Amino acid sequence: MDAIALLKADHDRVKKMLDEGETTTERGVATRTELLETLKREMMIHERIEEEIFYPALKEHPNSRAIVLDDYVEYHVVAEIMGEVV
């Protein structure tokens, strides 16, 4: 599997987990807690791959530099939110 396919698969998996969390009832506390823990773990792995492998390679190309810098900001926001939620 190439890097882009791997990252897209990760994005799809996260979206699926978020959808699962939205469909739980008020009594689904254990399910939501488990989903959040899994989501946090998956996002940490995903972010590390992007920051250590994917983004450094993309930053070298002038056409993708702005996209990479925007993504760094987005991931910082996600990390802040996850820190507050979990």
Foldseek 3Di string as FASTA:
>chain_A
DDPVVVLVVLVVVLVVLVVVLVPDDPVCPVVNVVSLVVSVVSLVVSVCCCVVPVLVVQCVDPVCVVVSVVVVVVSVVVVVVSVVVD
